[in-house]
Amino acid sequence: MTKIKDYLNLMRIRQWYKNLVVFLAIIFSEKLFDGELFLISILAFFSLSFVSSAGYIINDLVDRKKDALHPEKKNRPLASGKIGLNKAILALLLLLIIGLLIAKSINLTFLLIVILLFVLTQIYTLYLKNVLFADILTIASLFALRALSGALAVDVWVSPWLILCPFFLALFLVVGKRQADLSLMKTDGKRTRAILEHYNKQLTNQLVNFSTILLIVSYCLYSFLSEHPTLIYTVPLGIYLIFGFLNLINNGSDVARHPERVFKNKPLVIGMAIWVGLTLSIIYL
């Protein structure tokens, strides 16, 4: 009998944290305590999360045979056979329909960008994930679109820098993941991603360094040029968090392959909590 836990794993709820970027717009536009807009942001979060889960299921359907050979992905519900094809297809249809209906209830513009996100995700799954550089740039672009969708959902203007920062953050995370995948391949002896044949450690090292610089510079510029220039005081803490994650990448931590596990790293969790508190204090006090 299929367990609820298997369906939750199929939906990859642990990946929903990526959609938290929809709250950036309402936070940095000083509308966080507007009850109506906050509710809309919550709906936007669940809309994106349901549609994202539908996309993850499609990805697992396409890659189920390859995933069965992966040392970690072989335990996914589809790859392991815990959930059958028909049940998985039914689940993805329900998630997609519910997600799109929620998006429609918010506004037409948000619905269109959610559809765009879903379409781009499928293009990535079917083609772009096997194209050098297009793979990492597509993932980063999808992250930036999530941030933009949050602004469109509540109809507020946000600085372009607030869209660029999530882009460079995602780029930093995904190139770190590529580097970690290469290390795993070297240890395990199996090439679990076709795209990895185009990457090597020297290239990923350069990409990690490049994306780190872009992330720091973009955040510094946003902090200084925003309506709250005192956000510049959060830069040292932001750099501490970036360097902390960079250290995990270079040390071969599994956090690089699974960024959601960063919440188990006490120093970084404390740093993130302080950064959030300091940022909110500067904006709202």
C-alpha atoms as a PDB file:
ATOM      1  CA  MET A   1       0.000   0.000   0.000  1.00  0.00           C
ATOM      2  CA  THR A   2       1.292   3.418  -0.988  1.00  0.00           C
ATOM      3  CA  LYS A   3       2.040   5.519   2.070  1.00  0.00           C
ATOM      4  CA  ILE A   4       1.355   9.227   2.457  1.00  0.00           C
ATOM      5  CA  LYS A   5       5.074   9.665   3.105  1.00  0.00           C
ATOM      6  CA  ASP A   6       5.799   8.313  -0.379  1.00  0.00           C
ATOM      7  CA  TYR A   7       3.506  10.913  -1.949  1.00  0.00           C
ATOM      8  CA  LEU A   8       5.113  13.675   0.088  1.00  0.00           C
ATOM      9  CA  ASN A   9       8.514  12.494  -1.135  1.00  0.00           C
ATOM     10  CA  LEU A  10       7.151  12.374  -4.685  1.00  0.00           C
ATOM     11  CA  MET A  11       6.048  16.012  -4.314  1.00  0.00           C
ATOM     12  CA  ARG A  12       9.502  16.896  -2.938  1.00  0.00           C
ATOM     13  CA  ILE A  13       8.057  19.152  -0.277  1.00  0.00           C
ATOM     14  CA  ARG A  14      11.579  19.645   1.061  1.00  0.00           C
ATOM     15  CA  GLN A  15      12.212  21.660  -2.122  1.00  0.00           C
ATOM     16  CA  TRP A  16       9.371  24.091  -1.426  1.00  0.00           C
ATOM     17  CA  TYR A  17      11.792  26.375   0.407  1.00  0.00           C
ATOM     18  CA  LYS A  18      12.821  27.675  -3.035  1.00  0.00           C
ATOM     19  CA  ASN A  19       9.415  29.323  -3.361  1.00  0.00           C
ATOM     20  CA  LEU A  20       9.926  31.387  -0.208  1.00  0.00           C
ATOM     21  CA  VAL A  21      11.484  34.009  -2.502  1.00  0.00           C
ATOM     22  CA  VAL A  22       7.922  35.110  -3.354  1.00  0.00           C
ATOM     23  CA  PHE A  23       7.926  36.879   0.026  1.00  0.00           C
ATOM     24  CA  LEU A  24      10.892  39.080  -0.908  1.00  0.00           C
ATOM     25  CA  ALA A  25       8.642  41.565  -2.702  1.00  0.00           C
ATOM     26  CA  ILE A  26       6.224  42.080   0.175  1.00  0.00           C
ATOM     27  CA  ILE A  27       9.077  42.272   2.694  1.00  0.00           C
ATOM     28  CA  PHE A  28      11.265  44.774   0.859  1.00  0.00           C
ATOM     29  CA  SER A  29       8.309  46.898  -0.304  1.00  0.00           C
ATOM     30  CA  GLU A  30       7.412  47.405   3.382  1.00  0.00           C
ATOM     31  CA  LYS A  31       4.052  45.642   2.981  1.00  0.00           C
ATOM     32  CA  LEU A  32       4.748  42.638   5.186  1.00  0.00           C
ATOM     33  CA  PHE A  33       2.118  43.635   7.751  1.00  0.00           C
ATOM     34  CA  ASP A  34      -0.580  44.304   5.164  1.00  0.00           C
ATOM     35  CA  GLY A  35      -2.934  41.413   5.947  1.00  0.00           C
ATOM     36  CA  GLU A  36      -4.489  41.167   2.494  1.00  0.00           C
ATOM     37  CA  LEU A  37      -1.177  41.241   0.628  1.00  0.00           C
ATOM     38  CA  PHE A  38       0.369  38.786   3.083  1.00  0.00           C
ATOM     39  CA  LEU A  39      -2.477  36.336   2.414  1.00  0.00           C
ATOM     40  CA  ILE A  40      -1.948  36.751  -1.330  1.00  0.00           C
ATOM     41  CA  SER A  41       1.754  36.000  -0.884  1.00  0.00           C
ATOM     42  CA  ILE A  42       0.900  32.828   1.029  1.00  0.00           C
ATOM     43  CA  LEU A  43      -1.449  31.753  -1.774  1.00  0.00           C
ATOM     44  CA  ALA A  44       1.274  32.539  -4.311  1.00  0.00           C
ATOM     45  CA  PHE A  45       3.694  30.377  -2.341  1.00  0.00           C
ATOM     46  CA  PHE A  46       1.351  27.379  -2.388  1.00  0.00           C
ATOM     47  CA  SER A  47       0.469  27.920  -6.045  1.00  0.00           C
ATOM     48  CA  LEU A  48       4.137  27.838  -7.033  1.00  0.00           C
ATOM     49  CA  SER A  49       4.807  24.911  -4.713  1.00  0.00           C
ATOM     50  CA  PHE A  50       2.008  22.756  -6.148  1.00  0.00           C
ATOM     51  CA  VAL A  51       3.016  23.540  -9.729  1.00  0.00           C
ATOM     52  CA  SER A  52       6.673  22.923  -8.874  1.00  0.00           C
ATOM     53  CA  SER A  53       5.757  19.551  -7.382  1.00  0.00           C
ATOM     54  CA  ALA A  54       3.930  18.655 -10.595  1.00  0.00           C
ATOM     55  CA  GLY A  55       7.104  19.532 -12.491  1.00  0.00           C
ATOM     56  CA  TYR A  56       9.221  17.386 -10.158  1.00  0.00           C
ATOM     57  CA  ILE A  57       6.937  14.422 -10.814  1.00  0.00           C
ATOM     58  CA  ILE A  58       7.308  14.876 -14.576  1.00  0.00           C
ATOM     59  CA  ASN A  59      11.078  15.007 -14.119  1.00  0.00           C
ATOM     60  CA  ASP A  60      10.975  11.796 -12.076  1.00  0.00           C
ATOM     61  CA  LEU A  61       8.803  10.110 -14.701  1.00  0.00           C
ATOM     62  CA  VAL A  62      11.295  11.007 -17.420  1.00  0.00           C
ATOM     63  CA  ASP A  63      14.382  10.065 -15.378  1.00  0.00           C
ATOM     64  CA  ARG A  64      13.072   7.104 -13.394  1.00  0.00           C
ATOM     65  CA  LYS A  65      15.375   4.592 -15.141  1.00  0.00           C
ATOM     66  CA  LYS A  66      18.455   6.804 -14.709  1.00  0.00           C
ATOM     67  CA  ASP A  67      17.491   7.576 -11.117  1.00  0.00           C
ATOM     68  CA  ALA A  68      17.410   3.846 -10.375  1.00  0.00           C
ATOM     69  CA  LEU A  69      21.180   3.819 -10.996  1.00  0.00           C
ATOM     70  CA  HIS A  70      21.891   6.847  -8.807  1.00  0.00           C
ATOM     71  CA  PRO A  71      23.250   6.081  -5.304  1.00  0.00           C
ATOM     72  CA  GLU A  72      20.780   8.530  -3.727  1.00  0.00           C
ATOM     73  CA  LYS A  73      17.970   9.024  -6.261  1.00  0.00           C
ATOM     74  CA  LYS A  74      17.298   5.284  -6.474  1.00  0.00           C
ATOM     75  CA  ASN A  75      15.192   5.663  -3.325  1.00  0.00           C
ATOM     76  CA  ARG A  76      12.769   8.112  -4.932  1.00  0.00           C
ATOM     77  CA  PRO A  77       9.174   6.779  -5.039  1.00  0.00           C
ATOM     78  CA  LEU A  78       9.077   6.303  -8.822  1.00  0.00           C
ATOM     79  CA  ALA A  79      12.617   4.976  -9.235  1.00  0.00           C
ATOM     80  CA  SER A  80      12.104   2.488  -6.406  1.00  0.00           C
ATOM     81  CA  GLY A  81       8.635   1.458  -7.579  1.00  0.00           C
ATOM     82  CA  LYS A  82       6.908   2.581  -4.380  1.00  0.00           C
ATOM     83  CA  ILE A  83       4.471   4.613  -6.484  1.00  0.00           C
ATOM     84  CA  GLY A  84       3.205   3.371  -9.847  1.00  0.00           C
ATOM     85  CA  LEU A  85       3.087   5.396 -13.065  1.00  0.00           C
ATOM     86  CA  ASN A  86      -0.695   5.853 -13.095  1.00  0.00           C
ATOM     87  CA  LYS A  87      -0.797   7.107  -9.508  1.00  0.00           C
ATOM     88  CA  ALA A  88       2.090   9.486 -10.192  1.00  0.00           C
ATOM     89  CA  ILE A  89       0.383  10.901 -13.290  1.00  0.00           C
ATOM     90  CA  LEU A  90      -2.866  11.405 -11.363  1.00  0.00           C
ATOM     91  CA  ALA A  91      -0.981  13.173  -8.577  1.00  0.00           C
ATOM     92  CA  LEU A  92       0.806  15.537 -10.965  1.00  0.00           C
ATOM     93  CA  LEU A  93      -2.464  16.435 -12.737  1.00  0.00           C
ATOM     94  CA  LEU A  94      -4.169  17.228  -9.433  1.00  0.00           C
ATOM     95  CA  LEU A  95      -1.232  19.327  -8.235  1.00  0.00           C
ATOM     96  CA  LEU A  96      -1.002  21.204 -11.527  1.00  0.00           C
ATOM     97  CA  ILE A  97      -4.737  21.962 -11.675  1.00  0.00           C
ATOM     98  CA  ILE A  98      -4.911  23.103  -8.039  1.00  0.00           C
ATOM     99  CA  GLY A  99      -1.782  25.236  -8.420  1.00  0.00           C
ATOM    100  CA  LEU A 100      -3.078  26.943 -11.564  1.00  0.00           C
ATOM    101  CA  LEU A 101      -6.513  27.549 -10.036  1.00  0.00           C
ATOM    102  CA  ILE A 102      -4.897  29.252  -7.044  1.00  0.00           C
ATOM    103  CA  ALA A 103      -2.760  31.346  -9.414  1.00  0.00           C
ATOM    104  CA  LYS A 104      -5.856  32.361 -11.383  1.00  0.00           C
ATOM    105  CA  SER A 105      -7.568  33.465  -8.162  1.00  0.00           C
ATOM    106  CA  ILE A 106      -4.683  35.883  -7.502  1.00  0.00           C
ATOM    107  CA  ASN A 107      -4.491  37.670 -10.859  1.00  0.00           C
ATOM    108  CA  LEU A 108      -3.992  36.965 -14.552  1.00  0.00           C
ATOM    109  CA  THR A 109      -0.396  38.213 -14.649  1.00  0.00           C
ATOM    110  CA  PHE A 110       0.619  35.872 -11.850  1.00  0.00           C
ATOM    111  CA  LEU A 111      -1.151  32.989 -13.603  1.00  0.00           C
ATOM    112  CA  LEU A 112       0.789  33.683 -16.801  1.00  0.00           C
ATOM    113  CA  ILE A 113       4.155  33.740 -15.048  1.00  0.00           C
ATOM    114  CA  VAL A 114       3.318  30.490 -13.217  1.00  0.00           C
ATOM    115  CA  ILE A 115       2.500  28.908 -16.579  1.00  0.00           C
ATOM    116  CA  LEU A 116       5.762  30.304 -17.970  1.00  0.00           C
ATOM    117  CA  LEU A 117       7.669  28.808 -15.043  1.00  0.00           C
ATOM    118  CA  PHE A 118       6.056  25.431 -15.614  1.00  0.00           C
ATOM    119  CA  VAL A 119       6.772  25.468 -19.361  1.00  0.00           C
ATOM    120  CA  LEU A 120      10.406  26.510 -18.850  1.00  0.00           C
ATOM    121  CA  THR A 121      10.799  23.780 -16.249  1.00  0.00           C
ATOM    122  CA  GLN A 122       9.623  21.174 -18.759  1.00  0.00           C
ATOM    123  CA  ILE A 123      11.949  22.536 -21.443  1.00  0.00           C
ATOM    124  CA  TYR A 124      14.748  22.211 -18.916  1.00  0.00           C
ATOM    125  CA  THR A 125      13.715  18.656 -18.027  1.00  0.00           C
ATOM    126  CA  LEU A 126      13.452  17.499 -21.628  1.00  0.00           C
ATOM    127  CA  TYR A 127      16.382  19.355 -23.177  1.00  0.00           C
ATOM    128  CA  LEU A 128      18.243  22.173 -21.436  1.00  0.00           C
ATOM    129  CA  LYS A 129      19.479  20.123 -18.494  1.00  0.00           C
ATOM    130  CA  ASN A 130      21.806  18.361 -20.927  1.00  0.00           C
ATOM    131  CA  VAL A 131      23.173  21.567 -22.503  1.00  0.00           C
ATOM    132  CA  LEU A 132      26.386  22.979 -21.037  1.00  0.00           C
ATOM    133  CA  PHE A 133      25.828  26.265 -19.153  1.00  0.00           C
ATOM    134  CA  ALA A 134      22.187  26.413 -20.281  1.00  0.00           C
ATOM    135  CA  ASP A 135      21.432  23.970 -17.467  1.00  0.00           C
ATOM    136  CA  ILE A 136      22.729  26.163 -14.652  1.00  0.00           C
ATOM    137  CA  LEU A 137      21.489  29.425 -16.203  1.00  0.00           C
ATOM    138  CA  THR A 138      17.982  28.017 -16.631  1.00  0.00           C
ATOM    139  CA  ILE A 139      17.796  26.975 -12.986  1.00  0.00           C
ATOM    140  CA  ALA A 140      19.009  30.416 -11.881  1.00  0.00           C
ATOM    141  CA  SER A 141      16.481  32.107 -14.192  1.00  0.00           C
ATOM    142  CA  LEU A 142      13.637  30.038 -12.769  1.00  0.00           C
ATOM    143  CA  PHE A 143      14.661  31.160  -9.283  1.00  0.00           C
ATOM    144  CA  ALA A 144      14.624  34.809 -10.372  1.00  0.00           C
ATOM    145  CA  LEU A 145      11.205  34.354 -11.982  1.00  0.00           C
ATOM    146  CA  ARG A 146       9.880  33.025  -8.684  1.00  0.00           C
ATOM    147  CA  ALA A 147      11.045  36.221  -6.996  1.00  0.00           C
ATOM    148  CA  LEU A 148       9.449  38.326  -9.742  1.00  0.00           C
ATOM    149  CA  SER A 149       6.194  36.396  -9.447  1.00  0.00           C
ATOM    150  CA  GLY A 150       5.960  37.450  -5.807  1.00  0.00           C
ATOM    151  CA  ALA A 151       6.000  41.104  -6.860  1.00  0.00           C
ATOM    152  CA  LEU A 152       3.420  40.498  -9.593  1.00  0.00           C
ATOM    153  CA  ALA A 153       1.149  38.640  -7.174  1.00  0.00           C
ATOM    154  CA  VAL A 154       0.876  41.595  -4.777  1.00  0.00           C
ATOM    155  CA  ASP A 155       1.304  44.218  -7.523  1.00  0.00           C
ATOM    156  CA  VAL A 156       4.253  46.096  -6.027  1.00  0.00           C
ATOM    157  CA  TRP A 157       7.385  47.517  -7.624  1.00  0.00           C
ATOM    158  CA  VAL A 158      10.682  46.032  -6.568  1.00  0.00           C
ATOM    159  CA  SER A 159      14.239  46.928  -7.439  1.00  0.00           C
ATOM    160  CA  PRO A 160      15.751  44.924 -10.330  1.00  0.00           C
ATOM    161  CA  TRP A 161      18.596  44.164  -7.930  1.00  0.00           C
ATOM    162  CA  LEU A 162      16.134  42.221  -5.809  1.00  0.00           C
ATOM    163  CA  ILE A 163      15.553  39.967  -8.817  1.00  0.00           C
ATOM    164  CA  LEU A 164      19.250  39.711  -9.685  1.00  0.00           C
ATOM    165  CA  CYS A 165      20.265  38.674  -6.171  1.00  0.00           C
ATOM    166  CA  PRO A 166      18.098  35.500  -6.201  1.00  0.00           C
ATOM    167  CA  PHE A 167      19.432  34.782  -9.705  1.00  0.00           C
ATOM    168  CA  PHE A 168      23.052  34.910  -8.571  1.00  0.00           C
ATOM    169  CA  LEU A 169      22.224  33.049  -5.352  1.00  0.00           C
ATOM    170  CA  ALA A 170      20.685  30.214  -7.368  1.00  0.00           C
ATOM    171  CA  LEU A 171      23.646  30.260  -9.752  1.00  0.00           C
ATOM    172  CA  PHE A 172      26.001  29.969  -6.779  1.00  0.00           C
ATOM    173  CA  LEU A 173      24.032  27.030  -5.366  1.00  0.00           C
ATOM    174  CA  VAL A 174      23.680  25.129  -8.636  1.00  0.00           C
ATOM    175  CA  VAL A 175      27.350  25.363  -9.640  1.00  0.00           C
ATOM    176  CA  GLY A 176      28.200  24.182  -6.135  1.00  0.00           C
ATOM    177  CA  LYS A 177      25.867  21.251  -6.740  1.00  0.00           C
ATOM    178  CA  ARG A 178      27.610  20.456 -10.029  1.00  0.00           C
ATOM    179  CA  GLN A 179      30.949  20.433  -8.231  1.00  0.00           C
ATOM    180  CA  ALA A 180      29.548  18.129  -5.559  1.00  0.00           C
ATOM    181  CA  ASP A 181      28.093  15.823  -8.229  1.00  0.00           C
ATOM    182  CA  LEU A 182      31.537  15.558  -9.823  1.00  0.00           C
ATOM    183  CA  SER A 183      33.068  14.640  -6.471  1.00  0.00           C
ATOM    184  CA  LEU A 184      30.388  12.008  -5.916  1.00  0.00           C
ATOM    185  CA  MET A 185      30.985  10.603  -9.404  1.00  0.00           C
ATOM    186  CA  LYS A 186      34.714  10.371  -8.699  1.00  0.00           C
ATOM    187  CA  THR A 187      34.045   8.503  -5.457  1.00  0.00           C
ATOM    188  CA  ASP A 188      31.230   6.273  -6.681  1.00  0.00           C
ATOM    189  CA  GLY A 189      32.478   5.742 -10.232  1.00  0.00           C
ATOM    190  CA  LYS A 190      29.065   6.340 -11.816  1.00  0.00           C
ATOM    191  CA  ARG A 191      28.092   9.262 -14.037  1.00  0.00           C
ATOM    192  CA  THR A 192      24.588   9.969 -12.787  1.00  0.00           C
ATOM    193  CA  ARG A 193      23.974  13.061 -14.935  1.00  0.00           C
ATOM    194  CA  ALA A 194      24.648  13.196 -18.666  1.00  0.00           C
ATOM    195  CA  ILE A 195      25.637  16.866 -18.378  1.00  0.00           C
ATOM    196  CA  LEU A 196      28.536  15.980 -16.075  1.00  0.00           C
ATOM    197  CA  GLU A 197      30.582  14.757 -19.028  1.00  0.00           C
ATOM    198  CA  HIS A 198      30.854  18.422 -20.073  1.00  0.00           C
ATOM    199  CA  TYR A 199      32.006  19.637 -16.654  1.00  0.00           C
ATOM    200  CA  ASN A 200      35.314  19.165 -14.861  1.00  0.00           C
ATOM    201  CA  LYS A 201      36.604  20.254 -11.471  1.00  0.00           C
ATOM    202  CA  GLN A 202      38.667  23.134 -12.855  1.00  0.00           C
ATOM    203  CA  LEU A 203      35.640  24.556 -14.654  1.00  0.00           C
ATOM    204  CA  THR A 204      33.295  24.175 -11.690  1.00  0.00           C
ATOM    205  CA  ASN A 205      35.876  25.776  -9.375  1.00  0.00           C
ATOM    206  CA  GLN A 206      36.015  28.798 -11.672  1.00  0.00           C
ATOM    207  CA  LEU A 207      32.222  28.929 -11.910  1.00  0.00           C
ATOM    208  CA  VAL A 208      31.870  28.753  -8.127  1.00  0.00           C
ATOM    209  CA  ASN A 209      34.352  31.614  -7.685  1.00  0.00           C
ATOM    210  CA  PHE A 210      32.682  33.655 -10.424  1.00  0.00           C
ATOM    211  CA  SER A 211      29.167  33.177  -9.051  1.00  0.00           C
ATOM    212  CA  THR A 212      30.375  33.979  -5.523  1.00  0.00           C
ATOM    213  CA  ILE A 213      31.757  37.326  -6.682  1.00  0.00           C
ATOM    214  CA  LEU A 214      28.577  38.136  -8.630  1.00  0.00           C
ATOM    215  CA  LEU A 215      26.396  37.296  -5.635  1.00  0.00           C
ATOM    216  CA  ILE A 216      28.398  39.449  -3.224  1.00  0.00           C
ATOM    217  CA  VAL A 217      28.638  42.410  -5.623  1.00  0.00           C
ATOM    218  CA  SER A 218      24.930  42.324  -6.509  1.00  0.00           C
ATOM    219  CA  TYR A 219      23.913  42.199  -2.846  1.00  0.00           C
ATOM    220  CA  CYS A 220      26.282  45.045  -1.960  1.00  0.00           C
ATOM    221  CA  LEU A 221      24.914  47.193  -4.788  1.00  0.00           C
ATOM    222  CA  TYR A 222      21.318  46.470  -3.830  1.00  0.00           C
ATOM    223  CA  SER A 223      22.006  47.286  -0.186  1.00  0.00           C
ATOM    224  CA  PHE A 224      23.687  50.592  -1.028  1.00  0.00           C
ATOM    225  CA  LEU A 225      21.258  51.697  -3.765  1.00  0.00           C
ATOM    226  CA  SER A 226      18.016  50.663  -2.050  1.00  0.00           C
ATOM    227  CA  GLU A 227      15.628  52.959  -0.202  1.00  0.00           C
ATOM    228  CA  HIS A 228      17.280  51.689   2.969  1.00  0.00           C
ATOM    229  CA  PRO A 229      21.017  52.271   2.442  1.00  0.00           C
ATOM    230  CA  THR A 230      21.673  51.163   6.020  1.00  0.00           C
ATOM    231  CA  LEU A 231      21.127  47.638   4.692  1.00  0.00           C
ATOM    232  CA  ILE A 232      24.816  47.933   3.864  1.00  0.00           C
ATOM    233  CA  TYR A 233      25.387  46.958   7.512  1.00  0.00           C
ATOM    234  CA  THR A 234      24.012  43.496   6.705  1.00  0.00           C
ATOM    235  CA  VAL A 235      26.716  42.905   4.078  1.00  0.00           C
ATOM    236  CA  PRO A 236      29.377  41.438   6.439  1.00  0.00           C
ATOM    237  CA  LEU A 237      26.835  38.950   7.756  1.00  0.00           C
ATOM    238  CA  GLY A 238      25.714  38.132   4.223  1.00  0.00           C
ATOM    239  CA  ILE A 239      29.311  37.489   3.192  1.00  0.00           C
ATOM    240  CA  TYR A 240      29.773  35.288   6.272  1.00  0.00           C
ATOM    241  CA  LEU A 241      26.831  33.135   5.139  1.00  0.00           C
ATOM    242  CA  ILE A 242      28.141  32.930   1.573  1.00  0.00           C
ATOM    243  CA  PHE A 243      31.635  31.989   2.724  1.00  0.00           C
ATOM    244  CA  GLY A 244      30.164  29.453   5.140  1.00  0.00           C
ATOM    245  CA  PHE A 245      28.318  27.683   2.347  1.00  0.00           C
ATOM    246  CA  LEU A 246      31.355  27.991   0.080  1.00  0.00           C
ATOM    247  CA  ASN A 247      33.358  26.180   2.740  1.00  0.00           C
ATOM    248  CA  LEU A 248      30.797  23.361   2.733  1.00  0.00           C
ATOM    249  CA  ILE A 249      31.121  23.091  -1.051  1.00  0.00           C
ATOM    250  CA  ASN A 250      34.911  22.922  -0.932  1.00  0.00           C
ATOM    251  CA  ASN A 251      34.862  20.357   1.878  1.00  0.00           C
ATOM    252  CA  GLY A 252      32.610  18.034  -0.125  1.00  0.00           C
ATOM    253  CA  SER A 253      29.662  18.333   2.264  1.00  0.00           C
ATOM    254  CA  ASP A 254      26.433  16.707   1.098  1.00  0.00           C
ATOM    255  CA  VAL A 255      24.791  20.076   1.789  1.00  0.00           C
ATOM    256  CA  ALA A 256      26.162  21.186  -1.596  1.00  0.00           C
ATOM    257  CA  ARG A 257      24.030  18.510  -3.294  1.00  0.00           C
ATOM    258  CA  HIS A 258      21.096  19.117  -0.954  1.00  0.00           C
ATOM    259  CA  PRO A 259      20.997  22.844  -0.028  1.00  0.00           C
ATOM    260  CA  GLU A 260      17.883  22.299   2.098  1.00  0.00           C
ATOM    261  CA  ARG A 261      20.131  20.470   4.575  1.00  0.00           C
ATOM    262  CA  VAL A 262      21.814  23.762   5.387  1.00  0.00           C
ATOM    263  CA  PHE A 263      19.115  24.183   8.034  1.00  0.00           C
ATOM    264  CA  LYS A 264      20.886  21.447   9.997  1.00  0.00           C
ATOM    265  CA  ASN A 265      24.080  23.513  10.095  1.00  0.00           C
ATOM    266  CA  LYS A 266      23.869  25.400  13.397  1.00  0.00           C
ATOM    267  CA  PRO A 267      26.343  28.254  12.652  1.00  0.00           C
ATOM    268  CA  LEU A 268      24.673  29.060   9.330  1.00  0.00           C
ATOM    269  CA  VAL A 269      21.163  28.801  10.781  1.00  0.00           C
ATOM    270  CA  ILE A 270      22.112  31.240  13.554  1.00  0.00           C
ATOM    271  CA  GLY A 271      23.701  33.536  10.969  1.00  0.00           C
ATOM    272  CA  MET A 272      20.590  33.432   8.779  1.00  0.00           C
ATOM    273  CA  ALA A 273      18.332  34.161  11.755  1.00  0.00           C
ATOM    274  CA  ILE A 274      20.435  37.184  12.717  1.00  0.00           C
ATOM    275  CA  TRP A 275      20.502  38.378   9.089  1.00  0.00           C
ATOM    276  CA  VAL A 276      16.705  38.121   8.815  1.00  0.00           C
ATOM    277  CA  GLY A 277      16.203  39.910  12.132  1.00  0.00           C
ATOM    278  CA  LEU A 278      18.646  42.691  11.269  1.00  0.00           C
ATOM    279  CA  THR A 279      17.172  43.173   7.798  1.00  0.00           C
ATOM    280  CA  LEU A 280      13.601  43.380   9.094  1.00  0.00           C
ATOM    281  CA  SER A 281      14.687  45.806  11.819  1.00  0.00           C
ATOM    282  CA  ILE A 282      16.321  48.136   9.290  1.00  0.00           C
ATOM    283  CA  ILE A 283      13.308  48.097   6.969  1.00  0.00           C
ATOM    284  CA  TYR A 284      10.486  48.336   9.502  1.00  0.00           C
ATOM    285  CA  LEU A 285      11.884  50.184  12.533  1.00  0.00           C
END
